[in-house]
Amino acid sequence: MKKSEGKLIAEIRDNGTGINPDLMEKIFVPNFTTKTGGMGLGLAMVKNILENFEGKIWFETKENKGCIFFVSLPEYTDQQ
């Protein structure tokens, strides 16, 4: 976990095959999936939840090397 400009940023890495460039713009679209099962709602829901809390999610990928997803949320401060 990193801290930058009042935001906490988590990195989630894998060592899979990466994301095909043709699919990158669809990753956060509801009902998009590359699997035979499931509804393709997971990442779309995560993105929506994070954005409702003024956060965001994005990724970096390299074909045949893997992918890194980043999750950023504002750091909580007690302002009483």
PDB file of N, CA and C in Angstrom:
ATOM      1  N   MET A   1       0.863  -1.175   0.000  1.00  0.00           N
ATOM      2  CA  MET A   1       0.000   0.000   0.000  1.00  0.00           C
ATOM      3  C   MET A   1       0.906   1.233   0.000  1.00  0.00           C
ATOM      4  N   LYS A   2       0.569   2.185  -0.832  1.00  0.00           N
ATOM      5  CA  LYS A   2       1.302   3.453  -0.915  1.00  0.00           C
ATOM      6  C   LYS A   2       0.374   4.594  -0.523  1.00  0.00           C
ATOM      7  N   LYS A   3       0.978   5.693  -0.163  1.00  0.00           N
ATOM      8  CA  LYS A   3       0.224   6.896   0.153  1.00  0.00           C
ATOM      9  C   LYS A   3       0.762   8.003  -0.751  1.00  0.00           C
ATOM     10  N   SER A   4      -0.146   8.705  -1.430  1.00  0.00           N
ATOM     11  CA  SER A   4       0.265   9.769  -2.339  1.00  0.00           C
ATOM     12  C   SER A   4      -0.812  10.845  -2.394  1.00  0.00           C
ATOM     13  N   GLU A   5      -0.446  12.055  -2.051  1.00  0.00           N
ATOM     14  CA  GLU A   5      -1.334  13.213  -2.151  1.00  0.00           C
ATOM     15  C   GLU A   5      -2.699  12.969  -1.513  1.00  0.00           C
ATOM     16  N   GLY A   6      -2.699  12.428  -0.293  1.00  0.00           N
ATOM     17  CA  GLY A   6      -3.944  12.205   0.424  1.00  0.00           C
ATOM     18  C   GLY A   6      -4.741  10.999  -0.039  1.00  0.00           C
ATOM     19  N   LYS A   7      -4.148  10.170  -0.862  1.00  0.00           N
ATOM     20  CA  LYS A   7      -4.803   8.961  -1.363  1.00  0.00           C
ATOM     21  C   LYS A   7      -4.005   7.737  -0.924  1.00  0.00           C
ATOM     22  N   LEU A   8      -4.727   6.659  -0.650  1.00  0.00           N
ATOM     23  CA  LEU A   8      -4.104   5.366  -0.404  1.00  0.00           C
ATOM     24  C   LEU A   8      -4.250   4.543  -1.667  1.00  0.00           C
ATOM     25  N   ILE A   9      -3.155   3.938  -2.113  1.00  0.00           N
ATOM     26  CA  ILE A   9      -3.161   3.198  -3.373  1.00  0.00           C
ATOM     27  C   ILE A   9      -2.679   1.778  -3.119  1.00  0.00           C
ATOM     28  N   ALA A  10      -3.516   0.821  -3.472  1.00  0.00           N
ATOM     29  CA  ALA A  10      -3.165  -0.596  -3.381  1.00  0.00           C
ATOM     30  C   ALA A  10      -2.898  -1.129  -4.779  1.00  0.00           C
ATOM     31  N   GLU A  11      -1.925  -2.034  -4.874  1.00  0.00           N
ATOM     32  CA  GLU A  11      -1.601  -2.694  -6.140  1.00  0.00           C
ATOM     33  C   GLU A  11      -1.912  -4.177  -6.009  1.00  0.00           C
ATOM     34  N   ILE A  12      -2.593  -4.718  -6.994  1.00  0.00           N
ATOM     35  CA  ILE A  12      -2.889  -6.137  -7.042  1.00  0.00           C
ATOM     36  C   ILE A  12      -2.257  -6.671  -8.317  1.00  0.00           C
ATOM     37  N   ARG A  13      -1.268  -7.565  -8.163  1.00  0.00           N
ATOM     38  CA  ARG A  13      -0.506  -8.063  -9.308  1.00  0.00           C
ATOM     39  C   ARG A  13      -0.831  -9.518  -9.597  1.00  0.00           C
ATOM     40  N   ASP A  14      -0.705  -9.880 -10.872  1.00  0.00           N
ATOM     41  CA  ASP A  14      -0.741 -11.286 -11.230  1.00  0.00           C
ATOM     42  C   ASP A  14       0.383 -11.566 -12.221  1.00  0.00           C
ATOM     43  N   ASN A  15       0.603 -12.825 -12.480  1.00  0.00           N
ATOM     44  CA  ASN A  15       1.646 -13.195 -13.437  1.00  0.00           C
ATOM     45  C   ASN A  15       1.046 -13.997 -14.591  1.00  0.00           C
ATOM     46  N   GLY A  16      -0.172 -13.610 -14.959  1.00  0.00           N
ATOM     47  CA  GLY A  16      -0.884 -14.298 -16.042  1.00  0.00           C
ATOM     48  C   GLY A  16      -0.417 -13.840 -17.408  1.00  0.00           C
ATOM     49  N   THR A  17      -1.337 -13.898 -18.350  1.00  0.00           N
ATOM     50  CA  THR A  17      -1.000 -13.569 -19.737  1.00  0.00           C
ATOM     51  C   THR A  17      -1.232 -12.105 -20.076  1.00  0.00           C
ATOM     52  N   GLY A  18      -1.689 -11.315 -19.113  1.00  0.00           N
ATOM     53  CA  GLY A  18      -1.994  -9.919 -19.395  1.00  0.00           C
ATOM     54  C   GLY A  18      -3.345  -9.782 -20.072  1.00  0.00           C
ATOM     55  N   ILE A  19      -3.694  -8.575 -20.413  1.00  0.00           N
ATOM     56  CA  ILE A  19      -4.985  -8.299 -21.051  1.00  0.00           C
ATOM     57  C   ILE A  19      -4.736  -7.942 -22.504  1.00  0.00           C
ATOM     58  N   ASN A  20      -5.433  -8.624 -23.371  1.00  0.00           N
ATOM     59  CA  ASN A  20      -5.314  -8.385 -24.796  1.00  0.00           C
ATOM     60  C   ASN A  20      -5.672  -6.921 -25.088  1.00  0.00           C
ATOM     61  N   PRO A  21      -4.854  -6.225 -25.872  1.00  0.00           N
ATOM     62  CA  PRO A  21      -5.144  -4.814 -26.185  1.00  0.00           C
ATOM     63  C   PRO A  21      -6.536  -4.567 -26.745  1.00  0.00           C
ATOM     64  N   ASP A  22      -7.092  -5.524 -27.472  1.00  0.00           N
ATOM     65  CA  ASP A  22      -8.437  -5.369 -28.036  1.00  0.00           C
ATOM     66  C   ASP A  22      -9.518  -5.360 -26.960  1.00  0.00           C
ATOM     67  N   LEU A  23      -9.207  -5.867 -25.768  1.00  0.00           N
ATOM     68  CA  LEU A  23     -10.201  -5.977 -24.701  1.00  0.00           C
ATOM     69  C   LEU A  23     -10.034  -4.906 -23.618  1.00  0.00           C
ATOM     70  N   MET A  24      -8.968  -4.157 -23.661  1.00  0.00           N
ATOM     71  CA  MET A  24      -8.646  -3.228 -22.574  1.00  0.00           C
ATOM     72  C   MET A  24      -9.747  -2.207 -22.304  1.00  0.00           C
ATOM     73  N   GLU A  25     -10.369  -1.675 -23.331  1.00  0.00           N
ATOM     74  CA  GLU A  25     -11.398  -0.649 -23.110  1.00  0.00           C
ATOM     75  C   GLU A  25     -12.714  -1.236 -22.599  1.00  0.00           C
ATOM     76  N   LYS A  26     -12.843  -2.559 -22.628  1.00  0.00           N
ATOM     77  CA  LYS A  26     -14.080  -3.209 -22.191  1.00  0.00           C
ATOM     78  C   LYS A  26     -14.020  -3.741 -20.762  1.00  0.00           C
ATOM     79  N   ILE A  27     -12.860  -3.732 -20.148  1.00  0.00           N
ATOM     80  CA  ILE A  27     -12.645  -4.400 -18.861  1.00  0.00           C
ATOM     81  C   ILE A  27     -13.640  -3.954 -17.795  1.00  0.00           C
ATOM     82  N   PHE A  28     -13.992  -2.689 -17.732  1.00  0.00           N
ATOM     83  CA  PHE A  28     -14.879  -2.171 -16.686  1.00  0.00           C
ATOM     84  C   PHE A  28     -16.337  -2.007 -17.159  1.00  0.00           C
ATOM     85  N   VAL A  29     -16.654  -2.536 -18.336  1.00  0.00           N
ATOM     86  CA  VAL A  29     -18.012  -2.431 -18.882  1.00  0.00           C
ATOM     87  C   VAL A  29     -18.885  -3.545 -18.286  1.00  0.00           C
ATOM     88  N   PRO A  30     -20.068  -3.206 -17.768  1.00  0.00           N
ATOM     89  CA  PRO A  30     -20.958  -4.248 -17.237  1.00  0.00           C
ATOM     90  C   PRO A  30     -21.267  -5.309 -18.288  1.00  0.00           C
ATOM     91  N   ASN A  31     -21.350  -6.528 -17.839  1.00  0.00           N
ATOM     92  CA  ASN A  31     -21.679  -7.702 -18.650  1.00  0.00           C
ATOM     93  C   ASN A  31     -20.560  -8.138 -19.590  1.00  0.00           C
ATOM     94  N   PHE A  32     -19.372  -7.564 -19.450  1.00  0.00           N
ATOM     95  CA  PHE A  32     -18.243  -8.023 -20.259  1.00  0.00           C
ATOM     96  C   PHE A  32     -17.504  -9.117 -19.489  1.00  0.00           C
ATOM     97  N   THR A  33     -17.271 -10.232 -20.156  1.00  0.00           N
ATOM     98  CA  THR A  33     -16.489 -11.311 -19.571  1.00  0.00           C
ATOM     99  C   THR A  33     -15.760 -12.073 -20.659  1.00  0.00           C
ATOM    100  N   THR A  34     -14.651 -12.653 -20.292  1.00  0.00           N
ATOM    101  CA  THR A  34     -13.920 -13.526 -21.204  1.00  0.00           C
ATOM    102  C   THR A  34     -14.112 -14.980 -20.796  1.00  0.00           C
ATOM    103  N   LYS A  35     -14.903 -15.211 -19.767  1.00  0.00           N
ATOM    104  CA  LYS A  35     -15.110 -16.561 -19.241  1.00  0.00           C
ATOM    105  C   LYS A  35     -16.448 -17.128 -19.716  1.00  0.00           C
ATOM    106  N   THR A  36     -16.574 -18.432 -19.600  1.00  0.00           N
ATOM    107  CA  THR A  36     -17.818 -19.069 -20.016  1.00  0.00           C
ATOM    108  C   THR A  36     -18.896 -18.949 -18.950  1.00  0.00           C
ATOM    109  N   GLY A  37     -18.508 -18.762 -17.693  1.00  0.00           N
ATOM    110  CA  GLY A  37     -19.477 -18.601 -16.610  1.00  0.00           C
ATOM    111  C   GLY A  37     -19.393 -17.202 -16.035  1.00  0.00           C
ATOM    112  N   GLY A  38     -20.378 -16.844 -15.252  1.00  0.00           N
ATOM    113  CA  GLY A  38     -20.379 -15.519 -14.645  1.00  0.00           C
ATOM    114  C   GLY A  38     -21.113 -14.515 -15.507  1.00  0.00           C
ATOM    115  N   MET A  39     -21.332 -13.356 -14.898  1.00  0.00           N
ATOM    116  CA  MET A  39     -22.112 -12.331 -15.589  1.00  0.00           C
ATOM    117  C   MET A  39     -21.274 -11.129 -16.011  1.00  0.00           C
ATOM    118  N   GLY A  40     -19.995 -11.096 -15.657  1.00  0.00           N
ATOM    119  CA  GLY A  40     -19.159  -9.976 -16.056  1.00  0.00           C
ATOM    120  C   GLY A  40     -19.485  -8.682 -15.333  1.00  0.00           C
ATOM    121  N   LEU A  41     -19.904  -8.800 -14.083  1.00  0.00           N
ATOM    122  CA  LEU A  41     -20.282  -7.599 -13.329  1.00  0.00           C
ATOM    123  C   LEU A  41     -19.228  -7.162 -12.309  1.00  0.00           C
ATOM    124  N   GLY A  42     -18.307  -8.039 -11.970  1.00  0.00           N
ATOM    125  CA  GLY A  42     -17.365  -7.783 -10.885  1.00  0.00           C
ATOM    126  C   GLY A  42     -16.598  -6.472 -10.985  1.00  0.00           C
ATOM    127  N   LEU A  43     -15.833  -6.294 -12.037  1.00  0.00           N
ATOM    128  CA  LEU A  43     -15.020  -5.080 -12.148  1.00  0.00           C
ATOM    129  C   LEU A  43     -15.871  -3.834 -12.370  1.00  0.00           C
ATOM    130  N   ALA A  44     -16.980  -3.969 -13.052  1.00  0.00           N
ATOM    131  CA  ALA A  44     -17.882  -2.827 -13.233  1.00  0.00           C
ATOM    132  C   ALA A  44     -18.437  -2.379 -11.882  1.00  0.00           C
ATOM    133  N   MET A  45     -18.797  -3.348 -11.028  1.00  0.00           N
ATOM    134  CA  MET A  45     -19.308  -3.014  -9.695  1.00  0.00           C
ATOM    135  C   MET A  45     -18.222  -2.382  -8.829  1.00  0.00           C
ATOM    136  N   VAL A  46     -17.027  -2.950  -8.868  1.00  0.00           N
ATOM    137  CA  VAL A  46     -15.913  -2.399  -8.090  1.00  0.00           C
ATOM    138  C   VAL A  46     -15.655  -0.960  -8.503  1.00  0.00           C
ATOM    139  N   LYS A  47     -15.623  -0.708  -9.799  1.00  0.00           N
ATOM    140  CA  LYS A  47     -15.379   0.659 -10.300  1.00  0.00           C
ATOM    141  C   LYS A  47     -16.450   1.617  -9.795  1.00  0.00           C
ATOM    142  N   ASN A  48     -17.711   1.201  -9.870  1.00  0.00           N
ATOM    143  CA  ASN A  48     -18.815   2.054  -9.421  1.00  0.00           C
ATOM    144  C   ASN A  48     -18.717   2.352  -7.927  1.00  0.00           C
ATOM    145  N   ILE A  49     -18.434   1.345  -7.130  1.00  0.00           N
ATOM    146  CA  ILE A  49     -18.317   1.524  -5.680  1.00  0.00           C
ATOM    147  C   ILE A  49     -17.174   2.473  -5.362  1.00  0.00           C
ATOM    148  N   LEU A  50     -16.021   2.255  -5.970  1.00  0.00           N
ATOM    149  CA  LEU A  50     -14.866   3.125  -5.712  1.00  0.00           C
ATOM    150  C   LEU A  50     -15.160   4.570  -6.107  1.00  0.00           C
ATOM    151  N   GLU A  51     -15.777   4.764  -7.255  1.00  0.00           N
ATOM    152  CA  GLU A  51     -16.083   6.125  -7.702  1.00  0.00           C
ATOM    153  C   GLU A  51     -17.074   6.806  -6.763  1.00  0.00           C
ATOM    154  N   ASN A  52     -17.997   6.043  -6.164  1.00  0.00           N
ATOM    155  CA  ASN A  52     -18.929   6.623  -5.193  1.00  0.00           C
ATOM    156  C   ASN A  52     -18.214   7.090  -3.927  1.00  0.00           C
ATOM    157  N   PHE A  53     -17.043   6.547  -3.658  1.00  0.00           N
ATOM    158  CA  PHE A  53     -16.241   6.956  -2.502  1.00  0.00           C
ATOM    159  C   PHE A  53     -15.066   7.839  -2.921  1.00  0.00           C
ATOM    160  N   GLU A  54     -15.183   8.464  -4.106  1.00  0.00           N
ATOM    161  CA  GLU A  54     -14.164   9.359  -4.661  1.00  0.00           C
ATOM    162  C   GLU A  54     -12.830   8.660  -4.891  1.00  0.00           C
ATOM    163  N   GLY A  55     -12.915   7.380  -5.223  1.00  0.00           N
ATOM    164  CA  GLY A  55     -11.732   6.605  -5.550  1.00  0.00           C
ATOM    165  C   GLY A  55     -11.727   6.246  -7.016  1.00  0.00           C
ATOM    166  N   LYS A  56     -10.781   5.409  -7.386  1.00  0.00           N
ATOM    167  CA  LYS A  56     -10.748   4.947  -8.768  1.00  0.00           C
ATOM    168  C   LYS A  56      -9.970   3.639  -8.865  1.00  0.00           C
ATOM    169  N   ILE A  57     -10.121   2.978  -9.992  1.00  0.00           N
ATOM    170  CA  ILE A  57      -9.410   1.748 -10.302  1.00  0.00           C
ATOM    171  C   ILE A  57      -8.893   1.855 -11.729  1.00  0.00           C
ATOM    172  N   TRP A  58      -7.687   1.351 -11.944  1.00  0.00           N
ATOM    173  CA  TRP A  58      -7.107   1.315 -13.280  1.00  0.00           C
ATOM    174  C   TRP A  58      -6.102   0.176 -13.322  1.00  0.00           C
ATOM    175  N   PHE A  59      -5.544  -0.076 -14.489  1.00  0.00           N
ATOM    176  CA  PHE A  59      -4.600  -1.182 -14.598  1.00  0.00           C
ATOM    177  C   PHE A  59      -3.506  -0.877 -15.596  1.00  0.00           C
ATOM    178  N   GLU A  60      -2.429  -1.624 -15.452  1.00  0.00           N
ATOM    179  CA  GLU A  60      -1.340  -1.663 -16.424  1.00  0.00           C
ATOM    180  C   GLU A  60      -1.164  -3.124 -16.781  1.00  0.00           C
ATOM    181  N   THR A  61      -0.913  -3.405 -18.035  1.00  0.00           N
ATOM    182  CA  THR A  61      -0.784  -4.788 -18.461  1.00  0.00           C
ATOM    183  C   THR A  61       0.314  -4.937 -19.495  1.00  0.00           C
ATOM    184  N   LYS A  62       0.931  -6.096 -19.496  1.00  0.00           N
ATOM    185  CA  LYS A  62       1.901  -6.456 -20.523  1.00  0.00           C
ATOM    186  C   LYS A  62       1.568  -7.867 -20.974  1.00  0.00           C
ATOM    187  N   GLU A  63       1.331  -8.007 -22.261  1.00  0.00           N
ATOM    188  CA  GLU A  63       0.985  -9.328 -22.782  1.00  0.00           C
ATOM    189  C   GLU A  63       2.068 -10.331 -22.420  1.00  0.00           C
ATOM    190  N   ASN A  64       1.618 -11.498 -21.979  1.00  0.00           N
ATOM    191  CA  ASN A  64       2.468 -12.616 -21.586  1.00  0.00           C
ATOM    192  C   ASN A  64       3.342 -12.317 -20.367  1.00  0.00           C
ATOM    193  N   LYS A  65       3.074 -11.229 -19.660  1.00  0.00           N
ATOM    194  CA  LYS A  65       3.826 -10.888 -18.449  1.00  0.00           C
ATOM    195  C   LYS A  65       2.917 -10.759 -17.234  1.00  0.00           C
ATOM    196  N   GLY A  66       1.691 -10.313 -17.435  1.00  0.00           N
ATOM    197  CA  GLY A  66       0.769 -10.146 -16.319  1.00  0.00           C
ATOM    198  C   GLY A  66       0.153  -8.767 -16.288  1.00  0.00           C
ATOM    199  N   CYS A  67      -0.481  -8.499 -15.165  1.00  0.00           N
ATOM    200  CA  CYS A  67      -1.282  -7.290 -15.036  1.00  0.00           C
ATOM    201  C   CYS A  67      -1.159  -6.754 -13.612  1.00  0.00           C
ATOM    202  N   ILE A  68      -1.265  -5.457 -13.479  1.00  0.00           N
ATOM    203  CA  ILE A  68      -1.327  -4.809 -12.168  1.00  0.00           C
ATOM    204  C   ILE A  68      -2.574  -3.948 -12.142  1.00  0.00           C
ATOM    205  N   PHE A  69      -3.452  -4.212 -11.181  1.00  0.00           N
ATOM    206  CA  PHE A  69      -4.607  -3.346 -10.953  1.00  0.00           C
ATOM    207  C   PHE A  69      -4.272  -2.426  -9.797  1.00  0.00           C
ATOM    208  N   PHE A  70      -4.655  -1.171  -9.909  1.00  0.00           N
ATOM    209  CA  PHE A  70      -4.438  -0.171  -8.873  1.00  0.00           C
ATOM    210  C   PHE A  70      -5.796   0.278  -8.350  1.00  0.00           C
ATOM    211  N   VAL A  71      -5.902   0.368  -7.040  1.00  0.00           N
ATOM    212  CA  VAL A  71      -7.124   0.852  -6.392  1.00  0.00           C
ATOM    213  C   VAL A  71      -6.715   2.039  -5.531  1.00  0.00           C
ATOM    214  N   SER A  72      -7.368   3.167  -5.736  1.00  0.00           N
ATOM    215  CA  SER A  72      -7.049   4.396  -5.011  1.00  0.00           C
ATOM    216  C   SER A  72      -8.295   4.888  -4.279  1.00  0.00           C
ATOM    217  N   LEU A  73      -8.107   5.233  -3.011  1.00  0.00           N
ATOM    218  CA  LEU A  73      -9.184   5.816  -2.202  1.00  0.00           C
ATOM    219  C   LEU A  73      -8.625   6.974  -1.395  1.00  0.00           C
ATOM    220  N   PRO A  74      -9.444   7.984  -1.124  1.00  0.00           N
ATOM    221  CA  PRO A  74      -8.983   9.083  -0.294  1.00  0.00           C
ATOM    222  C   PRO A  74      -8.658   8.567   1.112  1.00  0.00           C
ATOM    223  N   GLU A  75      -7.609   9.108   1.682  1.00  0.00           N
ATOM    224  CA  GLU A  75      -7.228   8.735   3.042  1.00  0.00           C
ATOM    225  C   GLU A  75      -8.237   9.346   4.019  1.00  0.00           C
ATOM    226  N   TYR A  76      -8.663   8.559   5.002  1.00  0.00           N
ATOM    227  CA  TYR A  76      -9.605   9.063   6.002  1.00  0.00           C
ATOM    228  C   TYR A  76      -8.860   9.978   6.966  1.00  0.00           C
ATOM    229  N   THR A  77      -9.453  11.112   7.218  1.00  0.00           N
ATOM    230  CA  THR A  77      -8.935  12.008   8.248  1.00  0.00           C
ATOM    231  C   THR A  77     -10.078  12.404   9.165  1.00  0.00           C
ATOM    232  N   ASP A  78      -9.816  12.393  10.433  1.00  0.00           N
ATOM    233  CA  ASP A  78     -10.820  12.771  11.438  1.00  0.00           C
ATOM    234  C   ASP A  78     -10.825  14.295  11.546  1.00  0.00           C
ATOM    235  N   GLN A  79     -11.856  14.925  11.015  1.00  0.00           N
ATOM    236  CA  GLN A  79     -11.911  16.386  10.966  1.00  0.00           C
ATOM    237  C   GLN A  79     -12.917  16.945  11.970  1.00  0.00           C
ATOM    238  N   GLN A  80     -12.854  16.492  13.223  1.00  0.00           N
ATOM    239  CA  GLN A  80     -13.777  16.986  14.232  1.00  0.00           C
ATOM    240  C   GLN A  80     -13.218  18.187  14.937  1.00  0.00           C
TER     241      GLN A  80
END
